[in-house]
Amino acid sequence: MAPHPHISHSPLRADNNTAIMSYTSVDFEVHGRVQGVCFRMYTEDEARKLGVVGWVRNTRQGTVDGQVQGPTDKVQRMKQWLQREGSPSSIIDYATFRNEKTISKPTQKGFFTRY
């Protein structure tokens, strides 16, 4: 017997036939020449382009840290950007990520710079 055309049989669907989204939250810190090179502004722009939320700030240690939340695939793309691209004038030595976890939905609204 063929499945009914209006009933979802996919394990990735909720009862109301909407896709279940996988969300991730992760804290980051980027080391290198990342202050005084518009890193925070470019981070905000990239986050908005990808559709993730969170925040970014300069630290007293000369690094940039923050948090990213959103759909898991987009958070992974943001992590790659933080590790490899950054702002045009930045020189990224390395980025660290911690507290990566699955969340039911983002707790932040928008992406902004903290001071």
PDB file of N, CA and C in Angstrom:
ATOM      1  N   MET A   1       0.843  -1.174   0.000  1.00  0.00           N
ATOM      2  CA  MET A   1       0.000   0.000   0.000  1.00  0.00           C
ATOM      3  C   MET A   1       0.894   1.245   0.000  1.00  0.00           C
ATOM      4  N   ALA A   2       0.616   2.186  -0.857  1.00  0.00           N
ATOM      5  CA  ALA A   2       1.398   3.422  -0.951  1.00  0.00           C
ATOM      6  C   ALA A   2       1.080   4.345   0.209  1.00  0.00           C
ATOM      7  N   PRO A   3       2.092   5.130   0.671  1.00  0.00           N
ATOM      8  CA  PRO A   3       1.817   6.078   1.750  1.00  0.00           C
ATOM      9  C   PRO A   3       0.835   7.145   1.302  1.00  0.00           C
ATOM     10  N   HIS A   4       0.060   7.615   2.242  1.00  0.00           N
ATOM     11  CA  HIS A   4      -0.914   8.668   1.960  1.00  0.00           C
ATOM     12  C   HIS A   4      -0.164   9.931   1.551  1.00  0.00           C
ATOM     13  N   PRO A   5      -0.552  10.617   0.471  1.00  0.00           N
ATOM     14  CA  PRO A   5       0.203  11.768  -0.027  1.00  0.00           C
ATOM     15  C   PRO A   5       0.186  12.988   0.898  1.00  0.00           C
ATOM     16  N   HIS A   6      -0.723  13.066   1.854  1.00  0.00           N
ATOM     17  CA  HIS A   6      -0.803  14.245   2.707  1.00  0.00           C
ATOM     18  C   HIS A   6      -0.272  14.001   4.111  1.00  0.00           C
ATOM     19  N   ILE A   7       0.279  12.835   4.348  1.00  0.00           N
ATOM     20  CA  ILE A   7       0.818  12.514   5.666  1.00  0.00           C
ATOM     21  C   ILE A   7       2.314  12.349   5.538  1.00  0.00           C
ATOM     22  N   SER A   8       3.058  13.064   6.373  1.00  0.00           N
ATOM     23  CA  SER A   8       4.506  12.962   6.350  1.00  0.00           C
ATOM     24  C   SER A   8       4.947  11.710   7.086  1.00  0.00           C
ATOM     25  N   HIS A   9       5.857  10.967   6.462  1.00  0.00           N
ATOM     26  CA  HIS A   9       6.416   9.784   7.095  1.00  0.00           C
ATOM     27  C   HIS A   9       7.888  10.001   7.411  1.00  0.00           C
ATOM     28  N   SER A  10       8.352  11.219   7.282  1.00  0.00           N
ATOM     29  CA  SER A  10       9.746  11.542   7.544  1.00  0.00           C
ATOM     30  C   SER A  10       9.966  11.732   9.040  1.00  0.00           C
ATOM     31  N   PRO A  11      11.051  11.146   9.580  1.00  0.00           N
ATOM     32  CA  PRO A  11      11.332  11.338  11.001  1.00  0.00           C
ATOM     33  C   PRO A  11      11.783  12.766  11.326  1.00  0.00           C
ATOM     34  N   LEU A  12      12.028  13.577  10.300  1.00  0.00           N
ATOM     35  CA  LEU A  12      12.471  14.947  10.524  1.00  0.00           C
ATOM     36  C   LEU A  12      11.316  15.938  10.511  1.00  0.00           C
ATOM     37  N   ARG A  13      10.110  15.457  10.640  1.00  0.00           N
ATOM     38  CA  ARG A  13       8.937  16.318  10.621  1.00  0.00           C
ATOM     39  C   ARG A  13       8.176  16.199  11.929  1.00  0.00           C
ATOM     40  N   ALA A  14       7.635  17.292  12.348  1.00  0.00           N
ATOM     41  CA  ALA A  14       6.789  17.292  13.544  1.00  0.00           C
ATOM     42  C   ALA A  14       5.384  16.853  13.148  1.00  0.00           C
ATOM     43  N   ASP A  15       4.535  16.654  14.122  1.00  0.00           N
ATOM     44  CA  ASP A  15       3.167  16.202  13.858  1.00  0.00           C
ATOM     45  C   ASP A  15       2.394  17.160  12.958  1.00  0.00           C
ATOM     46  N   ASN A  16       2.686  18.439  13.024  1.00  0.00           N
ATOM     47  CA  ASN A  16       1.957  19.412  12.202  1.00  0.00           C
ATOM     48  C   ASN A  16       2.580  19.567  10.816  1.00  0.00           C
ATOM     49  N   ASN A  17       3.450  18.640  10.453  1.00  0.00           N
ATOM     50  CA  ASN A  17       4.056  18.564   9.127  1.00  0.00           C
ATOM     51  C   ASN A  17       5.017  19.715   8.834  1.00  0.00           C
ATOM     52  N   THR A  18       5.572  20.356   9.861  1.00  0.00           N
ATOM     53  CA  THR A  18       6.604  21.360   9.658  1.00  0.00           C
ATOM     54  C   THR A  18       7.952  20.740   9.996  1.00  0.00           C
ATOM     55  N   ALA A  19       8.964  21.143   9.272  1.00  0.00           N
ATOM     56  CA  ALA A  19      10.299  20.589   9.496  1.00  0.00           C
ATOM     57  C   ALA A  19      10.788  20.962  10.894  1.00  0.00           C
ATOM     58  N   ILE A  20      11.439  20.015  11.553  1.00  0.00           N
ATOM     59  CA  ILE A  20      12.029  20.274  12.861  1.00  0.00           C
ATOM     60  C   ILE A  20      13.413  20.858  12.605  1.00  0.00           C
ATOM     61  N   MET A  21      13.634  22.057  13.085  1.00  0.00           N
ATOM     62  CA  MET A  21      14.882  22.754  12.858  1.00  0.00           C
ATOM     63  C   MET A  21      15.876  22.374  13.944  1.00  0.00           C
ATOM     64  N   SER A  22      17.111  22.152  13.563  1.00  0.00           N
ATOM     65  CA  SER A  22      18.177  21.889  14.523  1.00  0.00           C
ATOM     66  C   SER A  22      18.924  23.199  14.763  1.00  0.00           C
ATOM     67  N   TYR A  23      18.908  23.680  16.007  1.00  0.00           N
ATOM     68  CA  TYR A  23      19.575  24.935  16.359  1.00  0.00           C
ATOM     69  C   TYR A  23      20.790  24.652  17.230  1.00  0.00           C
ATOM     70  N   THR A  24      21.808  25.492  17.077  1.00  0.00           N
ATOM     71  CA  THR A  24      23.044  25.364  17.830  1.00  0.00           C
ATOM     72  C   THR A  24      23.414  26.709  18.433  1.00  0.00           C
ATOM     73  N   SER A  25      24.036  26.646  19.602  1.00  0.00           N
ATOM     74  CA  SER A  25      24.612  27.828  20.243  1.00  0.00           C
ATOM     75  C   SER A  25      26.078  27.519  20.505  1.00  0.00           C
ATOM     76  N   VAL A  26      26.953  28.478  20.241  1.00  0.00           N
ATOM     77  CA  VAL A  26      28.378  28.281  20.506  1.00  0.00           C
ATOM     78  C   VAL A  26      29.015  29.623  20.879  1.00  0.00           C
ATOM     79  N   ASP A  27      29.929  29.569  21.843  1.00  0.00           N
ATOM     80  CA  ASP A  27      30.736  30.730  22.223  1.00  0.00           C
ATOM     81  C   ASP A  27      32.036  30.672  21.428  1.00  0.00           C
ATOM     82  N   PHE A  28      32.573  31.825  21.052  1.00  0.00           N
ATOM     83  CA  PHE A  28      33.811  31.847  20.277  1.00  0.00           C
ATOM     84  C   PHE A  28      34.778  32.899  20.800  1.00  0.00           C
ATOM     85  N   GLU A  29      36.051  32.712  20.481  1.00  0.00           N
ATOM     86  CA  GLU A  29      37.082  33.713  20.727  1.00  0.00           C
ATOM     87  C   GLU A  29      38.070  33.623  19.577  1.00  0.00           C
ATOM     88  N   VAL A  30      38.365  34.776  18.963  1.00  0.00           N
ATOM     89  CA  VAL A  30      39.258  34.828  17.816  1.00  0.00           C
ATOM     90  C   VAL A  30      40.536  35.551  18.227  1.00  0.00           C
ATOM     91  N   HIS A  31      41.668  34.912  17.946  1.00  0.00           N
ATOM     92  CA  HIS A  31      42.995  35.428  18.317  1.00  0.00           C
ATOM     93  C   HIS A  31      43.735  35.875  17.065  1.00  0.00           C
ATOM     94  N   GLY A  32      44.555  36.897  17.224  1.00  0.00           N
ATOM     95  CA  GLY A  32      45.347  37.417  16.114  1.00  0.00           C
ATOM     96  C   GLY A  32      45.197  38.927  16.054  1.00  0.00           C
ATOM     97  N   ARG A  33      45.391  39.477  14.871  1.00  0.00           N
ATOM     98  CA  ARG A  33      45.181  40.920  14.673  1.00  0.00           C
ATOM     99  C   ARG A  33      43.705  41.107  14.328  1.00  0.00           C
ATOM    100  N   VAL A  34      42.891  41.245  15.388  1.00  0.00           N
ATOM    101  CA  VAL A  34      41.443  41.287  15.201  1.00  0.00           C
ATOM    102  C   VAL A  34      40.804  42.527  15.836  1.00  0.00           C
ATOM    103  N   GLN A  35      41.610  43.375  16.446  1.00  0.00           N
ATOM    104  CA  GLN A  35      41.082  44.640  16.978  1.00  0.00           C
ATOM    105  C   GLN A  35      41.649  45.793  16.165  1.00  0.00           C
ATOM    106  N   GLY A  36      40.826  46.817  15.950  1.00  0.00           N
ATOM    107  CA  GLY A  36      41.247  47.967  15.158  1.00  0.00           C
ATOM    108  C   GLY A  36      41.232  47.692  13.660  1.00  0.00           C
ATOM    109  N   VAL A  37      40.561  46.616  13.243  1.00  0.00           N
ATOM    110  CA  VAL A  37      40.512  46.241  11.823  1.00  0.00           C
ATOM    111  C   VAL A  37      39.071  45.974  11.366  1.00  0.00           C
ATOM    112  N   CYS A  38      38.108  46.568  12.065  1.00  0.00           N
ATOM    113  CA  CYS A  38      36.671  46.441  11.741  1.00  0.00           C
ATOM    114  C   CYS A  38      36.158  45.006  11.834  1.00  0.00           C
ATOM    115  N   PHE A  39      36.815  44.169  12.646  1.00  0.00           N
ATOM    116  CA  PHE A  39      36.416  42.765  12.764  1.00  0.00           C
ATOM    117  C   PHE A  39      34.992  42.622  13.280  1.00  0.00           C
ATOM    118  N   ARG A  40      34.644  43.409  14.293  1.00  0.00           N
ATOM    119  CA  ARG A  40      33.287  43.302  14.848  1.00  0.00           C
ATOM    120  C   ARG A  40      32.226  43.695  13.828  1.00  0.00           C
ATOM    121  N   MET A  41      32.468  44.765  13.086  1.00  0.00           N
ATOM    122  CA  MET A  41      31.507  45.219  12.084  1.00  0.00           C
ATOM    123  C   MET A  41      31.312  44.155  11.000  1.00  0.00           C
ATOM    124  N   TYR A  42      32.410  43.575  10.521  1.00  0.00           N
ATOM    125  CA  TYR A  42      32.307  42.534   9.503  1.00  0.00           C
ATOM    126  C   TYR A  42      31.653  41.271  10.063  1.00  0.00           C
ATOM    127  N   THR A  43      31.882  40.988  11.347  1.00  0.00           N
ATOM    128  CA  THR A  43      31.244  39.838  11.985  1.00  0.00           C
ATOM    129  C   THR A  43      29.732  40.041  12.034  1.00  0.00           C
ATOM    130  N   GLU A  44      29.303  41.235  12.413  1.00  0.00           N
ATOM    131  CA  GLU A  44      27.860  41.549  12.405  1.00  0.00           C
ATOM    132  C   GLU A  44      27.278  41.377  11.008  1.00  0.00           C
ATOM    133  N   ASP A  45      27.965  41.913  10.003  1.00  0.00           N
ATOM    134  CA  ASP A  45      27.470  41.818   8.621  1.00  0.00           C
ATOM    135  C   ASP A  45      27.352  40.365   8.172  1.00  0.00           C
ATOM    136  N   GLU A  46      28.368  39.559   8.453  1.00  0.00           N
ATOM    137  CA  GLU A  46      28.354  38.156   8.034  1.00  0.00           C
ATOM    138  C   GLU A  46      27.249  37.396   8.758  1.00  0.00           C
ATOM    139  N   ALA A  47      27.084  37.664  10.048  1.00  0.00           N
ATOM    140  CA  ALA A  47      26.042  36.992  10.831  1.00  0.00           C
ATOM    141  C   ALA A  47      24.665  37.310  10.266  1.00  0.00           C
ATOM    142  N   ARG A  48      24.447  38.551   9.924  1.00  0.00           N
ATOM    143  CA  ARG A  48      23.142  38.945   9.363  1.00  0.00           C
ATOM    144  C   ARG A  48      22.916  38.306   7.997  1.00  0.00           C
ATOM    145  N   LYS A  49      23.976  38.234   7.177  1.00  0.00           N
ATOM    146  CA  LYS A  49      23.857  37.584   5.867  1.00  0.00           C
ATOM    147  C   LYS A  49      23.473  36.111   6.021  1.00  0.00           C
ATOM    148  N   LEU A  50      24.082  35.448   7.005  1.00  0.00           N
ATOM    149  CA  LEU A  50      23.816  34.023   7.219  1.00  0.00           C
ATOM    150  C   LEU A  50      22.503  33.774   7.948  1.00  0.00           C
ATOM    151  N   GLY A  51      22.005  34.786   8.660  1.00  0.00           N
ATOM    152  CA  GLY A  51      20.761  34.606   9.401  1.00  0.00           C
ATOM    153  C   GLY A  51      20.948  33.995  10.776  1.00  0.00           C
ATOM    154  N   VAL A  52      22.114  34.252  11.399  1.00  0.00           N
ATOM    155  CA  VAL A  52      22.338  33.798  12.763  1.00  0.00           C
ATOM    156  C   VAL A  52      22.236  34.993  13.706  1.00  0.00           C
ATOM    157  N   VAL A  53      22.062  34.728  14.989  1.00  0.00           N
ATOM    158  CA  VAL A  53      21.930  35.781  15.992  1.00  0.00           C
ATOM    159  C   VAL A  53      23.036  35.625  17.018  1.00  0.00           C
ATOM    160  N   GLY A  54      23.216  36.681  17.831  1.00  0.00           N
ATOM    161  CA  GLY A  54      24.232  36.626  18.880  1.00  0.00           C
ATOM    162  C   GLY A  54      24.875  37.969  19.108  1.00  0.00           C
ATOM    163  N   TRP A  55      26.149  37.927  19.513  1.00  0.00           N
ATOM    164  CA  TRP A  55      26.856  39.162  19.829  1.00  0.00           C
ATOM    165  C   TRP A  55      28.358  38.962  19.656  1.00  0.00           C
ATOM    166  N   VAL A  56      29.074  40.094  19.608  1.00  0.00           N
ATOM    167  CA  VAL A  56      30.524  40.109  19.462  1.00  0.00           C
ATOM    168  C   VAL A  56      31.063  41.287  20.269  1.00  0.00           C
ATOM    169  N   ARG A  57      32.288  41.170  20.794  1.00  0.00           N
ATOM    170  CA  ARG A  57      32.908  42.277  21.527  1.00  0.00           C
ATOM    171  C   ARG A  57      34.427  42.121  21.519  1.00  0.00           C
ATOM    172  N   ASN A  58      35.116  43.236  21.728  1.00  0.00           N
ATOM    173  CA  ASN A  58      36.555  43.215  21.956  1.00  0.00           C
ATOM    174  C   ASN A  58      36.814  42.820  23.402  1.00  0.00           C
ATOM    175  N   THR A  59      37.927  42.115  23.648  1.00  0.00           N
ATOM    176  CA  THR A  59      38.313  41.774  25.009  1.00  0.00           C
ATOM    177  C   THR A  59      39.544  42.577  25.410  1.00  0.00           C
ATOM    178  N   ARG A  60      39.816  42.633  26.690  1.00  0.00           N
ATOM    179  CA  ARG A  60      41.017  43.319  27.181  1.00  0.00           C
ATOM    180  C   ARG A  60      42.294  42.581  26.794  1.00  0.00           C
ATOM    181  N   GLN A  61      42.165  41.307  26.425  1.00  0.00           N
ATOM    182  CA  GLN A  61      43.327  40.508  26.031  1.00  0.00           C
ATOM    183  C   GLN A  61      43.702  40.691  24.558  1.00  0.00           C
ATOM    184  N   GLY A  62      42.973  41.563  23.850  1.00  0.00           N
ATOM    185  CA  GLY A  62      43.278  41.822  22.448  1.00  0.00           C
ATOM    186  C   GLY A  62      42.615  40.850  21.485  1.00  0.00           C
ATOM    187  N   THR A  63      41.684  40.051  21.992  1.00  0.00           N
ATOM    188  CA  THR A  63      40.949  39.119  21.151  1.00  0.00           C
ATOM    189  C   THR A  63      39.543  39.667  20.903  1.00  0.00           C
ATOM    190  N   VAL A  64      38.772  38.936  20.131  1.00  0.00           N
ATOM    191  CA  VAL A  64      37.357  39.229  19.937  1.00  0.00           C
ATOM    192  C   VAL A  64      36.597  37.982  20.351  1.00  0.00           C
ATOM    193  N   ASP A  65      35.574  38.149  21.190  1.00  0.00           N
ATOM    194  CA  ASP A  65      34.775  36.992  21.578  1.00  0.00           C
ATOM    195  C   ASP A  65      33.308  37.276  21.368  1.00  0.00           C
ATOM    196  N   GLY A  66      32.498  36.225  21.524  1.00  0.00           N
ATOM    197  CA  GLY A  66      31.071  36.393  21.335  1.00  0.00           C
ATOM    198  C   GLY A  66      30.337  35.077  21.360  1.00  0.00           C
ATOM    199  N   GLN A  67      29.112  35.134  20.880  1.00  0.00           N
ATOM    200  CA  GLN A  67      28.256  33.958  20.834  1.00  0.00           C
ATOM    201  C   GLN A  67      27.451  33.985  19.545  1.00  0.00           C
ATOM    202  N   VAL A  68      27.269  32.811  18.963  1.00  0.00           N
ATOM    203  CA  VAL A  68      26.465  32.659  17.746  1.00  0.00           C
ATOM    204  C   VAL A  68      25.399  31.611  18.025  1.00  0.00           C
ATOM    205  N   GLN A  69      24.165  31.890  17.594  1.00  0.00           N
ATOM    206  CA  GLN A  69      23.053  30.948  17.708  1.00  0.00           C
ATOM    207  C   GLN A  69      22.284  30.942  16.401  1.00  0.00           C
ATOM    208  N   GLY A  70      21.775  29.776  16.041  1.00  0.00           N
ATOM    209  CA  GLY A  70      20.958  29.686  14.845  1.00  0.00           C
ATOM    210  C   GLY A  70      20.881  28.274  14.329  1.00  0.00           C
ATOM    211  N   PRO A  71      20.353  28.111  13.110  1.00  0.00           N
ATOM    212  CA  PRO A  71      20.320  26.792  12.503  1.00  0.00           C
ATOM    213  C   PRO A  71      21.738  26.208  12.446  1.00  0.00           C
ATOM    214  N   THR A  72      21.864  24.942  12.767  1.00  0.00           N
ATOM    215  CA  THR A  72      23.174  24.314  12.904  1.00  0.00           C
ATOM    216  C   THR A  72      24.056  24.519  11.685  1.00  0.00           C
ATOM    217  N   ASP A  73      23.521  24.367  10.482  1.00  0.00           N
ATOM    218  CA  ASP A  73      24.349  24.519   9.288  1.00  0.00           C
ATOM    219  C   ASP A  73      24.873  25.946   9.141  1.00  0.00           C
ATOM    220  N   LYS A  74      24.071  26.923   9.515  1.00  0.00           N
ATOM    221  CA  LYS A  74      24.505  28.320   9.407  1.00  0.00           C
ATOM    222  C   LYS A  74      25.516  28.674  10.494  1.00  0.00           C
ATOM    223  N   VAL A  75      25.365  28.105  11.683  1.00  0.00           N
ATOM    224  CA  VAL A  75      26.349  28.316  12.748  1.00  0.00           C
ATOM    225  C   VAL A  75      27.691  27.723  12.320  1.00  0.00           C
ATOM    226  N   GLN A  76      27.665  26.563  11.675  1.00  0.00           N
ATOM    227  CA  GLN A  76      28.912  25.951  11.198  1.00  0.00           C
ATOM    228  C   GLN A  76      29.584  26.839  10.155  1.00  0.00           C
ATOM    229  N   ARG A  77      28.802  27.438   9.266  1.00  0.00           N
ATOM    230  CA  ARG A  77      29.371  28.358   8.271  1.00  0.00           C
ATOM    231  C   ARG A  77      29.954  29.593   8.936  1.00  0.00           C
ATOM    232  N   MET A  78      29.294  30.103   9.988  1.00  0.00           N
ATOM    233  CA  MET A  78      29.814  31.259  10.714  1.00  0.00           C
ATOM    234  C   MET A  78      31.123  30.895  11.414  1.00  0.00           C
ATOM    235  N   LYS A  79      31.210  29.698  11.976  1.00  0.00           N
ATOM    236  CA  LYS A  79      32.452  29.256  12.611  1.00  0.00           C
ATOM    237  C   LYS A  79      33.601  29.234  11.599  1.00  0.00           C
ATOM    238  N   GLN A  80      33.341  28.737  10.413  1.00  0.00           N
ATOM    239  CA  GLN A  80      34.374  28.718   9.369  1.00  0.00           C
ATOM    240  C   GLN A  80      34.806  30.135   9.014  1.00  0.00           C
ATOM    241  N   TRP A  81      33.842  31.040   8.914  1.00  0.00           N
ATOM    242  CA  TRP A  81      34.159  32.435   8.591  1.00  0.00           C
ATOM    243  C   TRP A  81      35.037  33.036   9.688  1.00  0.00           C
ATOM    244  N   LEU A  82      34.704  32.780  10.950  1.00  0.00           N
ATOM    245  CA  LEU A  82      35.481  33.312  12.077  1.00  0.00           C
ATOM    246  C   LEU A  82      36.895  32.741  12.093  1.00  0.00           C
ATOM    247  N   GLN A  83      37.072  31.523  11.659  1.00  0.00           N
ATOM    248  CA  GLN A  83      38.381  30.879  11.652  1.00  0.00           C
ATOM    249  C   GLN A  83      39.237  31.286  10.464  1.00  0.00           C
ATOM    250  N   ARG A  84      38.603  31.537   9.313  1.00  0.00           N
ATOM    251  CA  ARG A  84      39.361  31.651   8.073  1.00  0.00           C
ATOM    252  C   ARG A  84      39.296  32.999   7.374  1.00  0.00           C
ATOM    253  N   GLU A  85      38.215  33.755   7.582  1.00  0.00           N
ATOM    254  CA  GLU A  85      38.035  34.968   6.786  1.00  0.00           C
ATOM    255  C   GLU A  85      38.167  36.237   7.610  1.00  0.00           C
ATOM    256  N   GLY A  86      37.176  36.534   8.428  1.00  0.00           N
ATOM    257  CA  GLY A  86      37.209  37.764   9.204  1.00  0.00           C
ATOM    258  C   GLY A  86      37.139  38.991   8.322  1.00  0.00           C
ATOM    259  N   SER A  87      37.562  40.119   8.879  1.00  0.00           N
ATOM    260  CA  SER A  87      37.554  41.357   8.098  1.00  0.00           C
ATOM    261  C   SER A  87      38.764  41.368   7.166  1.00  0.00           C
ATOM    262  N   PRO A  88      38.692  42.175   6.095  1.00  0.00           N
ATOM    263  CA  PRO A  88      39.792  42.184   5.115  1.00  0.00           C
ATOM    264  C   PRO A  88      41.162  42.505   5.717  1.00  0.00           C
ATOM    265  N   SER A  89      41.211  43.356   6.749  1.00  0.00           N
ATOM    266  CA  SER A  89      42.504  43.744   7.328  1.00  0.00           C
ATOM    267  C   SER A  89      42.925  42.876   8.513  1.00  0.00           C
ATOM    268  N   SER A  90      42.096  41.942   8.903  1.00  0.00           N
ATOM    269  CA  SER A  90      42.443  41.105  10.058  1.00  0.00           C
ATOM    270  C   SER A  90      43.441  40.018   9.671  1.00  0.00           C
ATOM    271  N   ILE A  91      44.165  39.554  10.676  1.00  0.00           N
ATOM    272  CA  ILE A  91      45.035  38.386  10.524  1.00  0.00           C
ATOM    273  C   ILE A  91      44.638  37.431  11.644  1.00  0.00           C
ATOM    274  N   ILE A  92      43.943  36.369  11.282  1.00  0.00           N
ATOM    275  CA  ILE A  92      43.442  35.415  12.273  1.00  0.00           C
ATOM    276  C   ILE A  92      44.511  34.366  12.529  1.00  0.00           C
ATOM    277  N   ASP A  93      44.966  34.281  13.790  1.00  0.00           N
ATOM    278  CA  ASP A  93      45.897  33.216  14.164  1.00  0.00           C
ATOM    279  C   ASP A  93      45.125  31.926  14.388  1.00  0.00           C
ATOM    280  N   TYR A  94      44.077  32.000  15.205  1.00  0.00           N
ATOM    281  CA  TYR A  94      43.209  30.849  15.444  1.00  0.00           C
ATOM    282  C   TYR A  94      41.954  31.305  16.164  1.00  0.00           C
ATOM    283  N   ALA A  95      40.948  30.451  16.120  1.00  0.00           N
ATOM    284  CA  ALA A  95      39.689  30.701  16.829  1.00  0.00           C
ATOM    285  C   ALA A  95      39.400  29.498  17.713  1.00  0.00           C
ATOM    286  N   THR A  96      38.861  29.767  18.888  1.00  0.00           N
ATOM    287  CA  THR A  96      38.444  28.685  19.781  1.00  0.00           C
ATOM    288  C   THR A  96      36.928  28.745  19.934  1.00  0.00           C
ATOM    289  N   PHE A  97      36.338  27.570  20.108  1.00  0.00           N
ATOM    290  CA  PHE A  97      34.896  27.452  20.270  1.00  0.00           C
ATOM    291  C   PHE A  97      34.629  26.602  21.494  1.00  0.00           C
ATOM    292  N   ARG A  98      33.685  27.034  22.315  1.00  0.00           N
ATOM    293  CA  ARG A  98      33.352  26.283  23.529  1.00  0.00           C
ATOM    294  C   ARG A  98      31.852  26.386  23.799  1.00  0.00           C
ATOM    295  N   ASN A  99      31.406  25.535  24.687  1.00  0.00           N
ATOM    296  CA  ASN A  99      29.983  25.507  25.075  1.00  0.00           C
ATOM    297  C   ASN A  99      29.061  25.288  23.875  1.00  0.00           C
ATOM    298  N   GLU A 100      29.520  24.517  22.894  1.00  0.00           N
ATOM    299  CA  GLU A 100      28.653  24.246  21.741  1.00  0.00           C
ATOM    300  C   GLU A 100      27.581  23.254  22.165  1.00  0.00           C
ATOM    301  N   LYS A 101      26.330  23.637  21.911  1.00  0.00           N
ATOM    302  CA  LYS A 101      25.224  22.780  22.341  1.00  0.00           C
ATOM    303  C   LYS A 101      24.019  22.968  21.433  1.00  0.00           C
ATOM    304  N   THR A 102      23.180  21.954  21.416  1.00  0.00           N
ATOM    305  CA  THR A 102      21.917  22.018  20.698  1.00  0.00           C
ATOM    306  C   THR A 102      20.915  22.758  21.570  1.00  0.00           C
ATOM    307  N   ILE A 103      20.176  23.675  20.956  1.00  0.00           N
ATOM    308  CA  ILE A 103      19.155  24.431  21.682  1.00  0.00           C
ATOM    309  C   ILE A 103      17.830  24.285  20.942  1.00  0.00           C
ATOM    310  N   SER A 104      16.729  24.471  21.657  1.00  0.00           N
ATOM    311  CA  SER A 104      15.414  24.324  21.024  1.00  0.00           C
ATOM    312  C   SER A 104      15.080  25.513  20.134  1.00  0.00           C
ATOM    313  N   LYS A 105      15.587  26.703  20.527  1.00  0.00           N
ATOM    314  CA  LYS A 105      15.406  27.898  19.706  1.00  0.00           C
ATOM    315  C   LYS A 105      16.406  28.945  20.188  1.00  0.00           C
ATOM    316  N   PRO A 106      16.784  29.884  19.322  1.00  0.00           N
ATOM    317  CA  PRO A 106      17.717  30.937  19.741  1.00  0.00           C
ATOM    318  C   PRO A 106      17.149  31.784  20.878  1.00  0.00           C
ATOM    319  N   THR A 107      18.010  32.195  21.796  1.00  0.00           N
ATOM    320  CA  THR A 107      17.599  33.058  22.901  1.00  0.00           C
ATOM    321  C   THR A 107      17.950  34.516  22.631  1.00  0.00           C
ATOM    322  N   GLN A 108      18.755  34.769  21.613  1.00  0.00           N
ATOM    323  CA  GLN A 108      19.122  36.132  21.232  1.00  0.00           C
ATOM    324  C   GLN A 108      18.174  36.615  20.141  1.00  0.00           C
ATOM    325  N   LYS A 109      18.121  37.922  19.979  1.00  0.00           N
ATOM    326  CA  LYS A 109      17.383  38.525  18.860  1.00  0.00           C
ATOM    327  C   LYS A 109      18.355  39.442  18.138  1.00  0.00           C
ATOM    328  N   GLY A 110      18.605  39.176  16.872  1.00  0.00           N
ATOM    329  CA  GLY A 110      19.527  39.991  16.106  1.00  0.00           C
ATOM    330  C   GLY A 110      20.973  39.662  16.439  1.00  0.00           C
ATOM    331  N   PHE A 111      21.891  40.357  15.791  1.00  0.00           N
ATOM    332  CA  PHE A 111      23.317  40.193  16.061  1.00  0.00           C
ATOM    333  C   PHE A 111      23.888  41.585  16.283  1.00  0.00           C
ATOM    334  N   PHE A 112      24.594  41.779  17.388  1.00  0.00           N
ATOM    335  CA  PHE A 112      25.023  43.129  17.752  1.00  0.00           C
ATOM    336  C   PHE A 112      26.382  43.106  18.435  1.00  0.00           C
ATOM    337  N   THR A 113      26.987  44.278  18.525  1.00  0.00           N
ATOM    338  CA  THR A 113      28.261  44.455  19.222  1.00  0.00           C
ATOM    339  C   THR A 113      27.980  44.840  20.661  1.00  0.00           C
ATOM    340  N   ARG A 114      28.632  44.159  21.571  1.00  0.00           N
ATOM    341  CA  ARG A 114      28.586  44.508  22.996  1.00  0.00           C
ATOM    342  C   ARG A 114      29.818  45.341  23.317  1.00  0.00           C
ATOM    343  N   TYR A 115      29.633  46.267  24.255  1.00  0.00           N
ATOM    344  CA  TYR A 115      30.767  47.116  24.674  1.00  0.00           C
ATOM    345  C   TYR A 115      31.051  46.946  26.140  1.00  0.00           C
TER     346      TYR A 115
END
